[in-house]
Protein backbone atom coordinates (compact mmCIF):
# COMPACT_ATOMS: atom_id res chain seq x y z
CA MET A 1 0.00 0.00 0.00
CA THR A 2 1.21 3.49 -0.83
CA ILE A 3 0.07 6.60 0.98
CA LYS A 4 0.47 9.77 -1.03
CA SER A 5 0.44 13.38 0.07
CA LYS A 6 -2.52 15.64 -0.65
CA ARG A 7 -0.36 17.62 -3.12
CA GLU A 8 -0.38 14.55 -5.36
CA MET A 9 -4.18 14.37 -5.44
CA ARG A 10 -5.71 14.85 -8.83
CA SER A 11 -8.99 16.65 -9.08
CA GLY A 12 -11.32 16.87 -11.99
CA ILE A 13 -11.59 14.83 -15.14
CA GLU A 14 -8.76 14.23 -17.60
CA ILE A 15 -9.23 13.53 -21.31
CA ASP A 16 -6.43 12.40 -23.60
CA LEU A 17 -7.13 14.01 -26.99
CA THR A 18 -4.81 11.54 -28.73
CA GLY A 19 -6.95 8.58 -27.66
CA PRO A 20 -10.49 7.52 -28.47
CA GLU A 21 -11.95 10.02 -26.00
CA GLY A 22 -10.44 12.85 -28.04
CA ASN A 23 -12.48 12.43 -31.19
CA ALA A 24 -15.11 15.07 -31.93
CA PHE A 25 -18.09 12.79 -31.36
CA ALA A 26 -16.79 11.60 -27.99
CA LEU A 27 -16.14 15.19 -26.88
CA MET A 28 -19.67 16.21 -27.90
CA GLY A 29 -20.96 13.26 -25.89
CA PHE A 30 -19.01 14.43 -22.87
CA ALA A 31 -20.32 17.96 -23.41
CA LYS A 32 -23.90 16.71 -23.48
CA LYS A 33 -23.38 14.66 -20.32
CA PHE A 34 -21.55 17.42 -18.42
CA SER A 35 -24.09 20.05 -19.46
CA THR A 36 -27.03 17.95 -18.36
CA ILE A 37 -25.69 16.29 -15.22
CA VAL A 38 -23.04 18.64 -13.84
CA LEU A 39 -24.11 22.11 -14.96
CA GLU A 40 -27.84 21.33 -15.32
CA ILE A 41 -28.16 23.39 -18.50
CA ASP A 42 -29.44 22.68 -22.01
CA PRO A 43 -26.57 21.13 -24.00
CA ASP A 44 -27.98 21.96 -27.45
CA PRO A 45 -26.49 25.48 -27.82
CA ILE A 46 -23.07 24.21 -26.72
CA ILE A 47 -23.18 21.26 -29.13
CA GLU A 48 -24.30 23.52 -31.98
CA ASP A 49 -21.41 25.90 -31.28
CA MET A 50 -18.97 22.97 -31.13
CA MET A 51 -20.17 21.78 -34.56
CA SER A 52 -20.09 25.23 -36.16
CA SER A 53 -16.43 25.11 -37.21
CA ASP A 54 -13.33 22.92 -37.09
CA TYR A 55 -11.83 20.68 -34.40
CA GLU A 56 -9.81 23.51 -32.83
CA HIS A 57 -13.00 25.54 -32.41
CA LEU A 58 -14.69 22.49 -30.88
CA LEU A 59 -11.87 22.31 -28.32
CA GLU A 60 -12.13 26.03 -27.56
CA VAL A 61 -15.86 25.75 -26.91
CA PHE A 62 -15.34 22.65 -24.76
CA GLU A 63 -12.64 24.42 -22.74
CA LYS A 64 -14.80 27.53 -22.34
CA HIS A 65 -17.67 25.59 -20.81
CA PHE A 66 -15.98 22.69 -19.02
CA GLY A 67 -12.36 23.77 -18.51
CA GLU A 68 -12.96 24.44 -14.84
CA PHE A 69 -13.29 20.73 -14.08
CA VAL A 70 -11.94 18.95 -17.20
CA THR A 71 -8.29 18.90 -18.29
CA LEU A 72 -7.55 18.15 -21.94
CA TYR A 73 -4.18 16.65 -22.92
CA ARG A 74 -2.65 16.52 -26.42
């Protein structure tokens, strides 16, 4: 058994953009889930904004809405 210090605690959710969770459809699925369950808001405007341009825009929108509790890694 290993006991770690509190400084080593990870908080939030981490998504590896180079893996299967990083594709656009998976990220929109996360956005829908986080909007509905965590933020309790309508996900449709967020999803529409994510789909309105390219992948980089999708990431910017995701970060804008969920960056407080989700960390994206490239």
